[in-house]
Each structure stands twice: as C-alpha cells, then as structure tokens.
C-alpha cells in the first residue's frame, strides 16, 4: 500500500526534520591519527553549536578507517539551502583556510548516504 507508506514516511520526515523538510550536509573529517581527526571534528561541532546550528558528530561506522585514514562525520541540518551553503563555507574557511591543519575536511551537500 504505497499511498499509506508515503504518508507515514512524510509524517516521520516532517517530525524528525529530515529531507524534504530540511537540507542536509555531511562534513567528513579524516586523518591518519585518530585523535587528530576526532579533535578537529569535535572543534567543528563546537563551532557549529556556537553559531546555533544543529550539527551532530558520528564516527563513520560503515568504514571507520580507509587507507589508514580515521574518519568522523558531522551531519548538519538547516531549513534554507542558501544558509547551509554559507555555514559550510564558513566552516571550510575557518578550519581549512585559516589554519595550518593538515586534517582532511570534505563537504557533501544533500549526501546520498548518511
């Protein structure tokens, strides 16, 4: 019964503030040293909270370590795609542009896998 499933799914997504009721972004932080990657990811999460932006840090469970790189993901939700892009640009500038950190930071807007 697809119509019933669809209605239930949309109600769930609306209640949980998931797409299409918001925009998502994934910030992936990775480094060869687990502590370094985790510390940088935690700093980004704190930065987002200071900006009053909803961001949640997760270890990348499916493949925590690839090619000797430890990975952490921060999921960011916002109502406006334009505001989301501005925030992500700020994060990249703050944590990649203004620092000498060699930690990898990768941004994915509306990721297919979370």
C-alpha atoms as a PDB file:
ATOM      1  CA  UNK A   1       0.000   0.000   0.000  1.00  0.00           C
ATOM      2  CA  UNK A   2       2.248   2.758  -1.315  1.00  0.00           C
ATOM      3  CA  UNK A   3      -0.019   5.747  -0.510  1.00  0.00           C
ATOM      4  CA  UNK A   4      -0.159   4.716   3.169  1.00  0.00           C
ATOM      5  CA  UNK A   5       3.602   4.127   3.284  1.00  0.00           C
ATOM      6  CA  UNK A   6       4.283   7.501   1.624  1.00  0.00           C
ATOM      7  CA  UNK A   7       2.011   9.392   4.036  1.00  0.00           C
ATOM      8  CA  UNK A   8       3.641   7.678   7.034  1.00  0.00           C
ATOM      9  CA  UNK A   9       7.156   8.357   5.712  1.00  0.00           C
ATOM     10  CA  UNK A  10       6.425  12.044   5.068  1.00  0.00           C
ATOM     11  CA  UNK A  11       4.966  12.430   8.566  1.00  0.00           C
ATOM     12  CA  UNK A  12       8.110  10.812  10.022  1.00  0.00           C
ATOM     13  CA  UNK A  13      10.402  13.036   7.954  1.00  0.00           C
ATOM     14  CA  UNK A  14       8.475  16.174   8.909  1.00  0.00           C
ATOM     15  CA  UNK A  15       8.554  15.299  12.605  1.00  0.00           C
ATOM     16  CA  UNK A  16      12.280  14.443  12.517  1.00  0.00           C
ATOM     17  CA  UNK A  17      13.193  17.432  10.336  1.00  0.00           C
ATOM     18  CA  UNK A  18      14.561  15.279   7.507  1.00  0.00           C
ATOM     19  CA  UNK A  19      14.509  15.987   3.755  1.00  0.00           C
ATOM     20  CA  UNK A  20      12.462  17.240   2.022  1.00  0.00           C
ATOM     21  CA  UNK A  21      11.638  19.402   5.082  1.00  0.00           C
ATOM     22  CA  UNK A  22      15.257  20.491   5.520  1.00  0.00           C
ATOM     23  CA  UNK A  23      18.621  20.374   3.784  1.00  0.00           C
ATOM     24  CA  UNK A  24      21.435  18.101   4.938  1.00  0.00           C
ATOM     25  CA  UNK A  25      25.170  18.342   4.630  1.00  0.00           C
ATOM     26  CA  UNK A  26      27.925  15.968   5.627  1.00  0.00           C
ATOM     27  CA  UNK A  27      31.276  17.258   6.841  1.00  0.00           C
ATOM     28  CA  UNK A  28      33.821  14.448   6.735  1.00  0.00           C
ATOM     29  CA  UNK A  29      36.988  14.864   8.804  1.00  0.00           C
ATOM     30  CA  UNK A  30      39.836  12.405   8.327  1.00  0.00           C
ATOM     31  CA  UNK A  31      43.449  11.930   9.345  1.00  0.00           C
ATOM     32  CA  UNK A  32      45.970   9.129   9.841  1.00  0.00           C
ATOM     33  CA  UNK A  33      45.917   9.844  13.569  1.00  0.00           C
ATOM     34  CA  UNK A  34      42.575   9.031  15.169  1.00  0.00           C
ATOM     35  CA  UNK A  35      42.976  11.624  17.932  1.00  0.00           C
ATOM     36  CA  UNK A  36      43.751  14.379  15.460  1.00  0.00           C
ATOM     37  CA  UNK A  37      40.694  13.593  13.331  1.00  0.00           C
ATOM     38  CA  UNK A  38      38.418  13.317  16.366  1.00  0.00           C
ATOM     39  CA  UNK A  39      39.712  16.556  17.931  1.00  0.00           C
ATOM     40  CA  UNK A  40      39.165  18.506  14.718  1.00  0.00           C
ATOM     41  CA  UNK A  41      35.669  17.034  14.300  1.00  0.00           C
ATOM     42  CA  UNK A  42      34.804  17.972  17.891  1.00  0.00           C
ATOM     43  CA  UNK A  43      36.070  21.515  17.295  1.00  0.00           C
ATOM     44  CA  UNK A  44      33.858  21.815  14.226  1.00  0.00           C
ATOM     45  CA  UNK A  45      30.865  20.528  16.195  1.00  0.00           C
ATOM     46  CA  UNK A  46      31.520  23.113  18.947  1.00  0.00           C
ATOM     47  CA  UNK A  47      31.922  25.844  16.318  1.00  0.00           C
ATOM     48  CA  UNK A  48      28.541  24.933  14.817  1.00  0.00           C
ATOM     49  CA  UNK A  49      26.875  24.970  18.247  1.00  0.00           C
ATOM     50  CA  UNK A  50      28.360  28.415  18.940  1.00  0.00           C
ATOM     51  CA  UNK A  51      26.734  29.546  15.676  1.00  0.00           C
ATOM     52  CA  UNK A  52      23.467  27.976  16.937  1.00  0.00           C
ATOM     53  CA  UNK A  53      23.470  25.460  14.110  1.00  0.00           C
ATOM     54  CA  UNK A  54      22.306  21.890  14.522  1.00  0.00           C
ATOM     55  CA  UNK A  55      25.249  19.573  13.884  1.00  0.00           C
ATOM     56  CA  UNK A  56      25.788  16.039  15.158  1.00  0.00           C
ATOM     57  CA  UNK A  57      29.107  14.185  15.205  1.00  0.00           C
ATOM     58  CA  UNK A  58      29.245  10.500  14.227  1.00  0.00           C
ATOM     59  CA  UNK A  59      32.105   8.096  13.702  1.00  0.00           C
ATOM     60  CA  UNK A  60      31.764   6.785  10.159  1.00  0.00           C
ATOM     61  CA  UNK A  61      30.599   3.355  11.236  1.00  0.00           C
ATOM     62  CA  UNK A  62      30.438   1.549   7.912  1.00  0.00           C
ATOM     63  CA  UNK A  63      34.077   2.220   7.098  1.00  0.00           C
ATOM     64  CA  UNK A  64      35.698   3.948  10.066  1.00  0.00           C
ATOM     65  CA  UNK A  65      39.160   3.599   8.587  1.00  0.00           C
ATOM     66  CA  UNK A  66      40.028   3.597   4.874  1.00  0.00           C
ATOM     67  CA  UNK A  67      43.575   3.677   3.522  1.00  0.00           C
ATOM     68  CA  UNK A  68      44.922   4.279   7.013  1.00  0.00           C
ATOM     69  CA  UNK A  69      42.642   7.327   7.498  1.00  0.00           C
ATOM     70  CA  UNK A  70      40.373   7.596  10.554  1.00  0.00           C
ATOM     71  CA  UNK A  71      37.088   9.260   9.663  1.00  0.00           C
ATOM     72  CA  UNK A  72      34.405  11.208  11.509  1.00  0.00           C
ATOM     73  CA  UNK A  73      31.278  12.735  10.040  1.00  0.00           C
ATOM     74  CA  UNK A  74      29.241  15.717  11.179  1.00  0.00           C
ATOM     75  CA  UNK A  75      25.700  15.948   9.852  1.00  0.00           C
ATOM     76  CA  UNK A  76      24.279  19.461   9.581  1.00  0.00           C
ATOM     77  CA  UNK A  77      20.566  20.220   9.089  1.00  0.00           C
ATOM     78  CA  UNK A  78      19.125  23.571   8.046  1.00  0.00           C
ATOM     79  CA  UNK A  79      15.846  24.850   6.622  1.00  0.00           C
ATOM     80  CA  UNK A  80      17.499  27.037   3.981  1.00  0.00           C
ATOM     81  CA  UNK A  81      19.921  25.681   1.390  1.00  0.00           C
ATOM     82  CA  UNK A  82      21.438  29.143   0.978  1.00  0.00           C
ATOM     83  CA  UNK A  83      22.113  29.416   4.735  1.00  0.00           C
ATOM     84  CA  UNK A  84      23.526  25.893   4.744  1.00  0.00           C
ATOM     85  CA  UNK A  85      25.978  26.789   1.975  1.00  0.00           C
ATOM     86  CA  UNK A  86      27.061  29.927   3.856  1.00  0.00           C
ATOM     87  CA  UNK A  87      27.690  27.956   7.045  1.00  0.00           C
ATOM     88  CA  UNK A  88      29.669  25.293   5.201  1.00  0.00           C
ATOM     89  CA  UNK A  89      31.792  27.961   3.533  1.00  0.00           C
ATOM     90  CA  UNK A  90      32.488  29.462   6.983  1.00  0.00           C
ATOM     91  CA  UNK A  91      33.493  26.048   8.317  1.00  0.00           C
ATOM     92  CA  UNK A  92      35.850  25.416   5.404  1.00  0.00           C
ATOM     93  CA  UNK A  93      37.393  28.888   5.716  1.00  0.00           C
ATOM     94  CA  UNK A  94      37.766  28.616   9.494  1.00  0.00           C
ATOM     95  CA  UNK A  95      39.092  25.073   9.643  1.00  0.00           C
ATOM     96  CA  UNK A  96      40.995  24.755   6.359  1.00  0.00           C
ATOM     97  CA  UNK A  97      41.765  28.240   5.146  1.00  0.00           C
ATOM     98  CA  UNK A  98      42.837  29.938   8.379  1.00  0.00           C
ATOM     99  CA  UNK A  99      44.708  27.035   9.978  1.00  0.00           C
ATOM    100  CA  UNK A 100      47.801  25.071   9.224  1.00  0.00           C
ATOM    101  CA  UNK A 101      45.924  21.866   9.930  1.00  0.00           C
ATOM    102  CA  UNK A 102      46.551  19.027   7.516  1.00  0.00           C
ATOM    103  CA  UNK A 103      43.397  17.191   8.570  1.00  0.00           C
ATOM    104  CA  UNK A 104      41.217  16.372   5.583  1.00  0.00           C
ATOM    105  CA  UNK A 105      37.841  18.133   5.586  1.00  0.00           C
ATOM    106  CA  UNK A 106      35.325  17.240   2.888  1.00  0.00           C
ATOM    107  CA  UNK A 107      31.824  18.684   2.462  1.00  0.00           C
ATOM    108  CA  UNK A 108      28.887  16.966   0.770  1.00  0.00           C
ATOM    109  CA  UNK A 109      25.557  18.793   0.380  1.00  0.00           C
ATOM    110  CA  UNK A 110      22.486  16.544   0.303  1.00  0.00           C
ATOM    111  CA  UNK A 111      24.572  13.355   0.645  1.00  0.00           C
ATOM    112  CA  UNK A 112      23.153  10.128  -0.719  1.00  0.00           C
ATOM    113  CA  UNK A 113      24.476   8.133   2.241  1.00  0.00           C
ATOM    114  CA  UNK A 114      24.443   9.417   5.795  1.00  0.00           C
END
